[in-house]
Amino acid sequence: MNHLCYDIVVDFPNSEIDNRLRSDGGQSKHEKDYEQALLTFREDKIHSMDGNVFTGMIDAVTGDYVEGKLIYKATHDVYEGPFAFGGKRHGDGATFLKAVGKEKFIGSFRNDHYYEGTLLTSHGTYRGRFRDDVYHGQGSLLTSDGATFDGDFRNGTFLQGKLV
């Protein structure tokens, strides 16, 4: 894969890649096909049309995020780690901070969802597997009142195991 770091904005006019790279603080625009830029580069950051801000590596051919930090404007959530095709959170070694509810997840994402790792919330700490962002599979839950559940979880509910 061809990866460039930080200072690239790529447009895709008529399904062909417009490979003009911009790092002058301006907007990248293809005069024939776009009236507005897809992305803006400012201060070593890529600003998308929806207001999200990305810093990191993008694929020089597809324009997809590869790895870096994404701040979601609407929620103020922060994701730092690897991405897959289409900008989905995907891979190991990621950190995700939710502004609302003050959750922190450290671990692996698959297809834009928690997969395996540690989730810290105001209600406690869960370590283990997830499915569709809820506890699912083998794991351990330490609640805020000190109870520990080790065992099998299904759809966010403790199914079987032991209470420690």
N, C-alpha and C. Protein backbone atom coordinates (compact mmCIF):
# COMPACT_ATOMS: atom_id res chain seq x y z
N MET A 1 0.82 -1.18 0.00
CA MET A 1 0.00 0.00 0.00
C MET A 1 0.86 1.24 0.00
N ASN A 2 0.40 2.27 -0.65
CA ASN A 2 1.09 3.55 -0.65
C ASN A 2 0.48 4.42 0.42
N HIS A 3 1.27 4.81 1.42
CA HIS A 3 0.75 5.65 2.49
C HIS A 3 1.55 6.93 2.54
N LEU A 4 0.86 8.01 2.73
CA LEU A 4 1.50 9.29 2.97
C LEU A 4 1.02 9.78 4.32
N CYS A 5 1.82 10.57 4.96
CA CYS A 5 1.49 10.99 6.30
C CYS A 5 1.11 12.47 6.32
N TYR A 6 0.01 12.78 6.96
CA TYR A 6 -0.43 14.11 7.38
C TYR A 6 -0.87 15.09 6.31
N ASP A 7 -0.13 15.29 5.24
CA ASP A 7 -0.42 16.46 4.42
C ASP A 7 -0.94 16.10 3.03
N ILE A 8 -2.05 15.40 3.01
CA ILE A 8 -2.61 15.00 1.72
C ILE A 8 -4.13 15.18 1.73
N VAL A 9 -4.62 15.68 0.64
CA VAL A 9 -6.06 15.74 0.41
C VAL A 9 -6.29 15.21 -0.99
N VAL A 10 -7.19 14.26 -1.13
CA VAL A 10 -7.41 13.62 -2.42
C VAL A 10 -8.87 13.78 -2.81
N ASP A 11 -9.13 14.16 -4.06
CA ASP A 11 -10.48 14.23 -4.61
C ASP A 11 -10.67 13.06 -5.57
N PHE A 12 -11.91 12.68 -5.82
CA PHE A 12 -12.21 11.58 -6.71
C PHE A 12 -13.20 12.00 -7.79
N PRO A 13 -12.79 12.82 -8.75
CA PRO A 13 -13.72 13.24 -9.79
C PRO A 13 -14.02 12.11 -10.76
N ASN A 14 -15.30 11.89 -11.02
CA ASN A 14 -15.74 10.89 -12.00
C ASN A 14 -15.05 9.54 -11.81
N SER A 15 -14.88 9.12 -10.55
CA SER A 15 -14.27 7.84 -10.20
C SER A 15 -12.80 7.72 -10.60
N GLU A 16 -12.18 8.80 -11.02
CA GLU A 16 -10.76 8.79 -11.30
C GLU A 16 -10.08 9.59 -10.21
N ILE A 17 -8.88 9.20 -9.88
CA ILE A 17 -8.18 9.88 -8.79
C ILE A 17 -7.54 11.17 -9.28
N ASP A 18 -7.87 12.25 -8.61
CA ASP A 18 -7.22 13.53 -8.87
C ASP A 18 -6.05 13.57 -7.91
N ASN A 19 -4.86 13.32 -8.38
CA ASN A 19 -3.72 13.09 -7.50
C ASN A 19 -2.96 14.36 -7.13
N ARG A 20 -3.61 15.49 -7.25
CA ARG A 20 -2.94 16.71 -6.83
C ARG A 20 -2.91 16.75 -5.31
N LEU A 21 -1.74 16.83 -4.74
CA LEU A 21 -1.59 16.87 -3.29
C LEU A 21 -1.48 18.32 -2.86
N ARG A 22 -2.19 18.67 -1.78
CA ARG A 22 -2.18 20.05 -1.32
C ARG A 22 -1.64 20.10 0.10
N SER A 23 -0.75 21.00 0.36
CA SER A 23 -0.28 21.21 1.73
C SER A 23 -0.10 22.69 2.00
N ASP A 24 -0.82 23.51 1.24
CA ASP A 24 -0.65 24.95 1.39
C ASP A 24 -1.75 25.59 2.23
N GLY A 25 -2.57 24.76 2.90
CA GLY A 25 -3.63 25.30 3.74
C GLY A 25 -4.90 25.61 2.97
N GLY A 26 -4.90 25.38 1.67
CA GLY A 26 -6.08 25.68 0.86
C GLY A 26 -7.00 24.49 0.76
N GLN A 27 -8.06 24.66 -0.01
CA GLN A 27 -8.98 23.56 -0.23
C GLN A 27 -8.64 22.91 -1.56
N SER A 28 -8.73 21.59 -1.59
CA SER A 28 -8.53 20.87 -2.83
C SER A 28 -9.86 20.83 -3.56
N LYS A 29 -9.86 21.21 -4.82
CA LYS A 29 -11.12 21.30 -5.55
C LYS A 29 -10.87 20.95 -7.02
N HIS A 30 -11.76 20.18 -7.60
CA HIS A 30 -11.70 19.89 -9.02
C HIS A 30 -12.77 20.77 -9.67
N GLU A 31 -12.35 21.78 -10.39
CA GLU A 31 -13.25 22.83 -10.86
C GLU A 31 -14.41 22.31 -11.70
N LYS A 32 -14.21 21.25 -12.45
CA LYS A 32 -15.26 20.76 -13.33
C LYS A 32 -16.36 20.03 -12.57
N ASP A 33 -16.01 19.33 -11.51
CA ASP A 33 -16.96 18.42 -10.88
C ASP A 33 -17.40 18.80 -9.47
N TYR A 34 -16.68 19.66 -8.81
CA TYR A 34 -17.02 19.98 -7.43
C TYR A 34 -17.15 21.48 -7.24
N GLU A 35 -18.14 21.87 -6.48
CA GLU A 35 -18.24 23.27 -6.10
C GLU A 35 -17.65 23.49 -4.73
N GLN A 36 -17.47 22.41 -3.99
CA GLN A 36 -16.95 22.51 -2.64
C GLN A 36 -15.95 21.38 -2.41
N ALA A 37 -14.97 21.62 -1.59
CA ALA A 37 -13.94 20.60 -1.33
C ALA A 37 -14.51 19.46 -0.51
N LEU A 38 -13.98 18.26 -0.73
CA LEU A 38 -14.33 17.11 0.09
C LEU A 38 -13.65 17.21 1.44
N LEU A 39 -12.44 17.68 1.46
CA LEU A 39 -11.63 17.77 2.67
C LEU A 39 -10.83 19.06 2.64
N THR A 40 -10.49 19.55 3.80
CA THR A 40 -9.64 20.72 3.91
C THR A 40 -8.46 20.37 4.80
N PHE A 41 -7.27 20.79 4.39
CA PHE A 41 -6.07 20.57 5.18
C PHE A 41 -5.71 21.87 5.88
N ARG A 42 -5.64 21.82 7.21
CA ARG A 42 -5.25 22.98 8.01
C ARG A 42 -4.45 22.50 9.21
N GLU A 43 -3.32 23.12 9.45
CA GLU A 43 -2.51 22.87 10.65
C GLU A 43 -2.24 21.38 10.86
N ASP A 44 -1.75 20.68 9.85
CA ASP A 44 -1.41 19.26 9.92
C ASP A 44 -2.60 18.36 10.23
N LYS A 45 -3.81 18.82 9.95
CA LYS A 45 -5.01 18.04 10.21
C LYS A 45 -5.91 18.07 8.99
N ILE A 46 -6.66 16.98 8.80
CA ILE A 46 -7.63 16.90 7.73
C ILE A 46 -9.00 17.16 8.33
N HIS A 47 -9.70 18.14 7.78
CA HIS A 47 -11.04 18.50 8.26
C HIS A 47 -12.04 18.04 7.21
N SER A 48 -12.94 17.13 7.60
CA SER A 48 -13.93 16.62 6.65
C SER A 48 -15.14 17.54 6.61
N MET A 49 -16.00 17.32 5.64
CA MET A 49 -17.18 18.16 5.46
C MET A 49 -18.11 18.12 6.66
N ASP A 50 -18.14 17.00 7.39
CA ASP A 50 -19.02 16.89 8.56
C ASP A 50 -18.41 17.48 9.82
N GLY A 51 -17.21 18.05 9.69
CA GLY A 51 -16.58 18.71 10.83
C GLY A 51 -15.63 17.84 11.62
N ASN A 52 -15.55 16.54 11.30
CA ASN A 52 -14.60 15.66 11.98
C ASN A 52 -13.18 16.08 11.62
N VAL A 53 -12.25 15.83 12.55
CA VAL A 53 -10.85 16.22 12.33
C VAL A 53 -9.98 14.97 12.46
N PHE A 54 -9.14 14.73 11.44
CA PHE A 54 -8.27 13.56 11.42
C PHE A 54 -6.81 13.98 11.32
N THR A 55 -5.98 13.33 12.11
CA THR A 55 -4.53 13.50 12.03
C THR A 55 -3.93 12.11 11.94
N GLY A 56 -3.12 11.85 10.93
CA GLY A 56 -2.50 10.54 10.81
C GLY A 56 -2.18 10.20 9.37
N MET A 57 -2.23 8.90 9.07
CA MET A 57 -1.87 8.42 7.74
C MET A 57 -3.13 8.08 6.96
N ILE A 58 -3.13 8.45 5.67
CA ILE A 58 -4.21 8.02 4.78
C ILE A 58 -3.59 7.31 3.58
N ASP A 59 -4.38 6.47 2.96
CA ASP A 59 -3.93 5.75 1.78
C ASP A 59 -3.85 6.73 0.61
N ALA A 60 -2.71 6.79 -0.03
CA ALA A 60 -2.48 7.75 -1.12
C ALA A 60 -3.33 7.44 -2.35
N VAL A 61 -3.78 6.22 -2.49
CA VAL A 61 -4.57 5.85 -3.66
C VAL A 61 -6.06 6.03 -3.41
N THR A 62 -6.56 5.50 -2.28
CA THR A 62 -8.00 5.54 -2.02
C THR A 62 -8.44 6.76 -1.22
N GLY A 63 -7.52 7.35 -0.46
CA GLY A 63 -7.89 8.47 0.40
C GLY A 63 -8.46 8.02 1.73
N ASP A 64 -8.53 6.71 1.97
CA ASP A 64 -9.06 6.18 3.23
C ASP A 64 -8.08 6.41 4.38
N TYR A 65 -8.62 6.60 5.57
CA TYR A 65 -7.79 6.67 6.76
C TYR A 65 -7.13 5.31 6.96
N VAL A 66 -5.85 5.29 7.35
CA VAL A 66 -5.12 4.06 7.61
C VAL A 66 -4.91 3.90 9.11
N GLU A 67 -4.32 4.92 9.71
CA GLU A 67 -4.10 4.90 11.16
C GLU A 67 -3.93 6.34 11.63
N GLY A 68 -4.48 6.62 12.79
CA GLY A 68 -4.35 7.97 13.32
C GLY A 68 -5.40 8.28 14.36
N LYS A 69 -5.65 9.57 14.51
CA LYS A 69 -6.58 10.07 15.53
C LYS A 69 -7.73 10.79 14.84
N LEU A 70 -8.96 10.41 15.20
CA LEU A 70 -10.15 11.02 14.63
C LEU A 70 -11.00 11.58 15.75
N ILE A 71 -11.30 12.88 15.66
CA ILE A 71 -12.17 13.54 16.63
C ILE A 71 -13.50 13.79 15.93
N TYR A 72 -14.56 13.23 16.51
CA TYR A 72 -15.90 13.36 15.95
C TYR A 72 -16.53 14.66 16.45
N LYS A 73 -16.83 15.56 15.53
CA LYS A 73 -17.34 16.88 15.91
C LYS A 73 -18.68 16.79 16.65
N ALA A 74 -19.60 15.99 16.16
CA ALA A 74 -20.95 15.94 16.72
C ALA A 74 -20.97 15.46 18.17
N THR A 75 -20.11 14.51 18.51
CA THR A 75 -20.14 13.91 19.86
C THR A 75 -18.93 14.26 20.71
N HIS A 76 -17.88 14.77 20.09
CA HIS A 76 -16.60 15.04 20.73
C HIS A 76 -15.89 13.75 21.18
N ASP A 77 -16.33 12.59 20.65
CA ASP A 77 -15.64 11.33 20.91
C ASP A 77 -14.30 11.35 20.19
N VAL A 78 -13.34 10.57 20.71
CA VAL A 78 -12.00 10.51 20.12
C VAL A 78 -11.62 9.05 19.91
N TYR A 79 -11.23 8.71 18.69
CA TYR A 79 -10.72 7.38 18.38
C TYR A 79 -9.28 7.52 17.92
N GLU A 80 -8.42 6.65 18.45
CA GLU A 80 -7.03 6.63 18.02
C GLU A 80 -6.62 5.19 17.76
N GLY A 81 -6.23 4.90 16.52
CA GLY A 81 -5.85 3.55 16.17
C GLY A 81 -5.97 3.30 14.68
N PRO A 82 -6.05 2.01 14.29
CA PRO A 82 -6.12 1.66 12.87
C PRO A 82 -7.54 1.75 12.31
N PHE A 83 -7.61 1.92 10.99
CA PHE A 83 -8.88 1.99 10.27
C PHE A 83 -8.87 0.97 9.15
N ALA A 84 -10.05 0.62 8.66
CA ALA A 84 -10.19 -0.26 7.50
C ALA A 84 -10.82 0.53 6.37
N PHE A 85 -11.03 -0.13 5.25
CA PHE A 85 -11.63 0.49 4.08
C PHE A 85 -12.91 1.24 4.46
N GLY A 86 -13.05 2.44 3.96
CA GLY A 86 -14.24 3.23 4.22
C GLY A 86 -14.19 4.01 5.52
N GLY A 87 -13.04 4.04 6.18
CA GLY A 87 -12.91 4.81 7.41
C GLY A 87 -13.46 4.14 8.64
N LYS A 88 -13.75 2.85 8.57
CA LYS A 88 -14.27 2.13 9.73
C LYS A 88 -13.15 1.82 10.71
N ARG A 89 -13.47 1.93 12.00
CA ARG A 89 -12.51 1.56 13.04
C ARG A 89 -12.32 0.04 12.96
N HIS A 90 -11.07 -0.38 12.82
CA HIS A 90 -10.82 -1.81 12.63
C HIS A 90 -9.35 -2.10 12.91
N GLY A 91 -9.09 -3.01 13.85
CA GLY A 91 -7.72 -3.41 14.13
C GLY A 91 -7.43 -3.43 15.61
N ASP A 92 -6.20 -3.80 15.91
CA ASP A 92 -5.76 -3.96 17.29
C ASP A 92 -5.02 -2.71 17.76
N GLY A 93 -4.98 -2.53 19.09
CA GLY A 93 -4.22 -1.43 19.66
C GLY A 93 -4.92 -0.08 19.58
N ALA A 94 -6.24 -0.09 19.68
CA ALA A 94 -7.00 1.15 19.55
C ALA A 94 -7.44 1.68 20.91
N THR A 95 -7.69 2.98 20.96
CA THR A 95 -8.25 3.63 22.13
C THR A 95 -9.43 4.48 21.67
N PHE A 96 -10.55 4.37 22.39
CA PHE A 96 -11.74 5.15 22.04
C PHE A 96 -12.28 5.79 23.31
N LEU A 97 -12.45 7.10 23.28
CA LEU A 97 -12.99 7.85 24.42
C LEU A 97 -14.34 8.43 24.04
N LYS A 98 -15.36 8.08 24.81
CA LYS A 98 -16.69 8.65 24.59
C LYS A 98 -16.86 9.84 25.51
N ALA A 99 -17.18 10.98 24.95
CA ALA A 99 -17.35 12.20 25.75
C ALA A 99 -18.58 12.09 26.65
N VAL A 100 -19.70 11.60 26.11
CA VAL A 100 -20.91 11.43 26.89
C VAL A 100 -20.82 10.09 27.61
N GLY A 101 -21.01 10.08 28.90
CA GLY A 101 -20.91 8.85 29.66
C GLY A 101 -19.49 8.55 30.11
N LYS A 102 -18.55 9.28 29.59
CA LYS A 102 -17.14 9.16 29.96
C LYS A 102 -16.64 7.72 29.93
N GLU A 103 -16.88 7.03 28.85
CA GLU A 103 -16.39 5.67 28.66
C GLU A 103 -15.03 5.70 27.98
N LYS A 104 -14.22 4.68 28.30
CA LYS A 104 -12.94 4.51 27.63
C LYS A 104 -12.80 3.04 27.25
N PHE A 105 -12.48 2.79 25.98
CA PHE A 105 -12.25 1.44 25.49
C PHE A 105 -10.83 1.34 24.97
N ILE A 106 -10.14 0.27 25.38
CA ILE A 106 -8.79 0.00 24.90
C ILE A 106 -8.79 -1.43 24.40
N GLY A 107 -8.46 -1.62 23.13
CA GLY A 107 -8.45 -2.97 22.60
C GLY A 107 -8.57 -3.03 21.10
N SER A 108 -9.37 -4.00 20.63
CA SER A 108 -9.51 -4.27 19.20
C SER A 108 -10.91 -3.91 18.71
N PHE A 109 -10.94 -3.38 17.50
CA PHE A 109 -12.20 -3.11 16.81
C PHE A 109 -12.30 -4.02 15.61
N ARG A 110 -13.53 -4.43 15.29
CA ARG A 110 -13.80 -5.16 14.06
C ARG A 110 -15.03 -4.52 13.42
N ASN A 111 -14.89 -4.10 12.19
CA ASN A 111 -15.99 -3.54 11.42
C ASN A 111 -16.74 -2.43 12.18
N ASP A 112 -15.96 -1.53 12.79
CA ASP A 112 -16.48 -0.34 13.47
C ASP A 112 -17.11 -0.62 14.84
N HIS A 113 -16.89 -1.81 15.41
CA HIS A 113 -17.46 -2.17 16.72
C HIS A 113 -16.36 -2.69 17.65
N TYR A 114 -16.61 -2.55 18.97
CA TYR A 114 -15.72 -3.17 19.95
C TYR A 114 -15.67 -4.66 19.65
N TYR A 115 -14.47 -5.25 19.75
CA TYR A 115 -14.33 -6.68 19.50
C TYR A 115 -13.77 -7.40 20.73
N GLU A 116 -12.63 -6.92 21.21
CA GLU A 116 -12.03 -7.52 22.41
C GLU A 116 -11.17 -6.47 23.08
N GLY A 117 -11.30 -6.38 24.42
CA GLY A 117 -10.51 -5.39 25.13
C GLY A 117 -11.09 -5.05 26.48
N THR A 118 -10.77 -3.86 26.94
CA THR A 118 -11.20 -3.38 28.25
C THR A 118 -12.06 -2.13 28.08
N LEU A 119 -13.24 -2.16 28.71
CA LEU A 119 -14.15 -1.03 28.69
C LEU A 119 -14.31 -0.51 30.11
N LEU A 120 -13.94 0.75 30.31
CA LEU A 120 -14.08 1.39 31.62
C LEU A 120 -15.24 2.37 31.56
N THR A 121 -16.20 2.22 32.48
CA THR A 121 -17.36 3.12 32.56
C THR A 121 -17.56 3.52 34.02
N SER A 122 -18.53 4.38 34.26
CA SER A 122 -18.84 4.78 35.64
C SER A 122 -19.46 3.61 36.41
N HIS A 123 -19.95 2.59 35.71
CA HIS A 123 -20.57 1.42 36.35
C HIS A 123 -19.57 0.31 36.66
N GLY A 124 -18.38 0.37 36.09
CA GLY A 124 -17.39 -0.66 36.33
C GLY A 124 -16.44 -0.86 35.17
N THR A 125 -15.71 -1.98 35.23
CA THR A 125 -14.72 -2.31 34.21
C THR A 125 -14.98 -3.71 33.68
N TYR A 126 -15.06 -3.83 32.37
CA TYR A 126 -15.24 -5.13 31.73
C TYR A 126 -14.03 -5.43 30.87
N ARG A 127 -13.53 -6.66 31.00
CA ARG A 127 -12.42 -7.13 30.16
C ARG A 127 -12.89 -8.40 29.47
N GLY A 128 -12.81 -8.41 28.14
CA GLY A 128 -13.21 -9.61 27.42
C GLY A 128 -13.68 -9.32 26.02
N ARG A 129 -14.58 -10.19 25.54
CA ARG A 129 -15.10 -10.11 24.17
C ARG A 129 -16.38 -9.29 24.11
N PHE A 130 -16.63 -8.77 22.91
CA PHE A 130 -17.82 -7.97 22.64
C PHE A 130 -18.46 -8.44 21.33
N ARG A 131 -19.73 -8.14 21.18
CA ARG A 131 -20.41 -8.27 19.90
C ARG A 131 -21.35 -7.08 19.78
N ASP A 132 -21.24 -6.34 18.70
CA ASP A 132 -22.05 -5.14 18.49
C ASP A 132 -21.97 -4.19 19.69
N ASP A 133 -20.77 -4.03 20.21
CA ASP A 133 -20.46 -3.08 21.29
C ASP A 133 -21.02 -3.46 22.66
N VAL A 134 -21.51 -4.69 22.85
CA VAL A 134 -21.95 -5.13 24.18
C VAL A 134 -21.16 -6.37 24.59
N TYR A 135 -21.11 -6.63 25.89
CA TYR A 135 -20.39 -7.79 26.42
C TYR A 135 -20.97 -9.05 25.78
N HIS A 136 -20.09 -9.88 25.22
CA HIS A 136 -20.57 -11.10 24.58
C HIS A 136 -19.39 -12.07 24.44
N GLY A 137 -19.47 -13.19 25.15
CA GLY A 137 -18.38 -14.16 25.15
C GLY A 137 -17.71 -14.20 26.51
N GLN A 138 -16.50 -14.73 26.55
CA GLN A 138 -15.77 -14.82 27.81
C GLN A 138 -15.33 -13.44 28.26
N GLY A 139 -15.51 -13.19 29.58
CA GLY A 139 -15.09 -11.90 30.09
C GLY A 139 -15.17 -11.83 31.59
N SER A 140 -14.76 -10.69 32.10
CA SER A 140 -14.77 -10.43 33.54
C SER A 140 -15.29 -9.01 33.76
N LEU A 141 -16.30 -8.89 34.62
CA LEU A 141 -16.89 -7.60 34.92
C LEU A 141 -16.68 -7.28 36.39
N LEU A 142 -16.01 -6.18 36.66
CA LEU A 142 -15.84 -5.66 38.01
C LEU A 142 -16.76 -4.46 38.13
N THR A 143 -17.81 -4.57 38.95
CA THR A 143 -18.78 -3.49 39.07
C THR A 143 -18.27 -2.41 40.01
N SER A 144 -18.90 -1.25 39.96
CA SER A 144 -18.47 -0.12 40.79
C SER A 144 -18.66 -0.39 42.28
N ASP A 145 -19.53 -1.36 42.64
CA ASP A 145 -19.71 -1.70 44.06
C ASP A 145 -18.79 -2.83 44.52
N GLY A 146 -17.88 -3.28 43.64
CA GLY A 146 -16.86 -4.26 44.02
C GLY A 146 -17.14 -5.70 43.65
N ALA A 147 -18.30 -6.02 43.12
CA ALA A 147 -18.61 -7.40 42.72
C ALA A 147 -17.88 -7.72 41.42
N THR A 148 -17.41 -8.98 41.31
CA THR A 148 -16.73 -9.42 40.09
C THR A 148 -17.45 -10.64 39.53
N PHE A 149 -17.79 -10.56 38.25
CA PHE A 149 -18.41 -11.67 37.54
C PHE A 149 -17.41 -12.16 36.50
N ASP A 150 -17.02 -13.44 36.60
CA ASP A 150 -16.12 -14.07 35.62
C ASP A 150 -16.88 -15.17 34.91
N GLY A 151 -16.89 -15.13 33.59
CA GLY A 151 -17.56 -16.20 32.88
C GLY A 151 -18.04 -15.80 31.51
N ASP A 152 -19.24 -16.29 31.18
CA ASP A 152 -19.79 -16.13 29.84
C ASP A 152 -20.89 -15.06 29.84
N PHE A 153 -20.76 -14.13 28.91
CA PHE A 153 -21.74 -13.06 28.76
C PHE A 153 -22.43 -13.21 27.41
N ARG A 154 -23.73 -12.90 27.37
CA ARG A 154 -24.49 -12.94 26.12
C ARG A 154 -25.30 -11.65 26.01
N ASN A 155 -25.06 -10.92 24.92
CA ASN A 155 -25.81 -9.69 24.65
C ASN A 155 -25.84 -8.74 25.84
N GLY A 156 -24.71 -8.62 26.52
CA GLY A 156 -24.58 -7.68 27.62
C GLY A 156 -25.00 -8.20 28.98
N THR A 157 -25.44 -9.46 29.04
CA THR A 157 -25.92 -10.05 30.30
C THR A 157 -25.01 -11.19 30.72
N PHE A 158 -24.73 -11.27 32.03
CA PHE A 158 -23.93 -12.36 32.58
C PHE A 158 -24.76 -13.63 32.50
N LEU A 159 -24.26 -14.65 31.79
CA LEU A 159 -25.01 -15.87 31.55
C LEU A 159 -24.64 -16.97 32.53
N GLN A 160 -23.35 -17.26 32.63
CA GLN A 160 -22.88 -18.29 33.56
C GLN A 160 -21.43 -18.07 33.90
N GLY A 161 -21.04 -18.60 35.04
CA GLY A 161 -19.68 -18.44 35.51
C GLY A 161 -19.67 -18.33 37.01
N LYS A 162 -18.81 -17.50 37.53
CA LYS A 162 -18.75 -17.38 38.99
C LYS A 162 -18.74 -15.92 39.41
N LEU A 163 -19.32 -15.71 40.58
CA LEU A 163 -19.30 -14.41 41.23
C LEU A 163 -18.17 -14.45 42.24
N VAL A 164 -17.22 -13.55 42.10
CA VAL A 164 -16.06 -13.54 43.00
C VAL A 164 -16.24 -12.45 44.03
